[in-house]
Protein backbone atom coordinates (compact mmCIF):
# COMPACT_ATOMS: atom_id res chain seq x y z
CA MET A 1 -124.28 156.39 99.13
CA TYR A 2 -120.94 157.00 100.86
CA LEU A 3 -120.78 153.36 102.01
CA MET A 4 -121.07 152.20 98.41
CA GLU A 5 -117.96 154.23 97.53
CA CYS A 6 -115.81 153.77 100.66
CA LEU A 7 -116.44 150.09 101.60
CA TYR A 8 -114.97 150.56 105.11
CA ALA A 9 -116.57 151.50 108.43
CA GLY A 10 -115.52 152.13 112.01
CA LEU A 11 -117.75 151.22 114.96
CA VAL A 12 -117.44 152.10 118.66
CA PHE A 13 -119.26 149.96 121.23
CA PHE A 14 -120.26 151.49 124.59
CA VAL A 15 -121.26 149.18 127.45
CA PRO A 16 -123.15 150.83 130.33
CA GLY A 17 -121.17 150.69 133.57
CA ILE A 18 -117.84 149.90 131.89
CA ALA A 19 -115.33 152.69 131.24
CA GLU A 20 -113.58 151.01 128.29
CA LYS A 21 -114.94 151.19 124.78
CA LEU A 22 -114.36 148.74 121.95
CA ARG A 23 -113.45 150.13 118.54
CA MET A 24 -113.81 147.97 115.45
CA ASN A 25 -112.77 148.83 111.90
CA GLY A 26 -113.49 146.69 108.89
CA ARG A 27 -114.93 146.13 105.48
CA ALA A 28 -118.58 147.15 105.31
CA GLU A 29 -121.38 146.04 103.06
CA ILE A 30 -125.14 146.17 102.86
CA THR A 31 -126.50 142.68 102.23
CA THR A 32 -129.83 140.98 101.72
CA ASP A 33 -128.40 137.50 102.33
CA GLN A 34 -131.22 135.32 103.67
CA GLU A 35 -129.07 133.79 106.41
CA HIS A 36 -128.28 137.22 107.88
CA LEU A 37 -131.88 138.43 107.54
CA ASN A 38 -133.19 135.33 109.37
CA PHE A 39 -130.67 135.80 112.20
CA LEU A 40 -131.88 139.37 112.81
CA ALA A 41 -135.62 138.68 112.53
CA ILE A 42 -137.80 140.05 115.35
CA LYS A 43 -141.11 138.31 116.06
CA GLY A 44 -140.97 136.68 112.63
CA ARG A 45 -140.42 139.98 110.78
CA LEU A 46 -137.33 140.13 108.61
CA PRO A 47 -135.30 143.30 108.05
CA ILE A 48 -135.09 144.58 104.47
CA SER A 49 -131.29 144.62 104.53
CA VAL A 50 -128.37 144.16 106.93
CA PHE A 51 -125.34 146.37 107.55
CA LYS A 52 -122.45 143.91 107.86
CA VAL A 53 -118.94 144.84 109.03
CA THR A 54 -116.24 142.18 108.73
CA SER A 55 -113.18 142.70 110.91
CA GLY A 56 -110.18 140.65 111.82
CA ARG A 57 -110.17 141.89 115.42
CA GLY A 58 -111.53 144.47 117.82
CA ILE A 59 -109.19 146.78 119.72
CA PRO A 60 -109.79 148.81 122.88
CA ALA A 61 -110.32 152.51 122.21
CA LEU A 62 -107.43 154.37 123.82
CA ARG A 63 -109.15 157.72 123.94
CA PRO A 64 -112.76 158.86 124.05
CA PRO A 65 -114.22 159.00 120.52
CA LEU A 66 -115.07 162.32 118.95
CA ILE A 67 -118.83 162.68 118.78
CA VAL A 68 -120.01 165.36 116.36
C-alpha cells in the first residue's frame, strides 16, 4: 500500500565479484501492461503484475547501503 501513496522507489544492485554498487531512484508503479508481462514471462507463464521503476539515470553508490 505504501507504493500507492509514495510513487517513488530506490533500488540498489549488487553484482557478485564487483565492489561497486549501483543505486537507482525513480518513479515506481505496479503495472499489468501486456508488453511488460510478456517480456518477463518464464516458460510461457506470465506474471500477474510488474513492478516498474522509471529513472533518468543510475548513479554509483558512494557508501555501503544500510540494510535493516
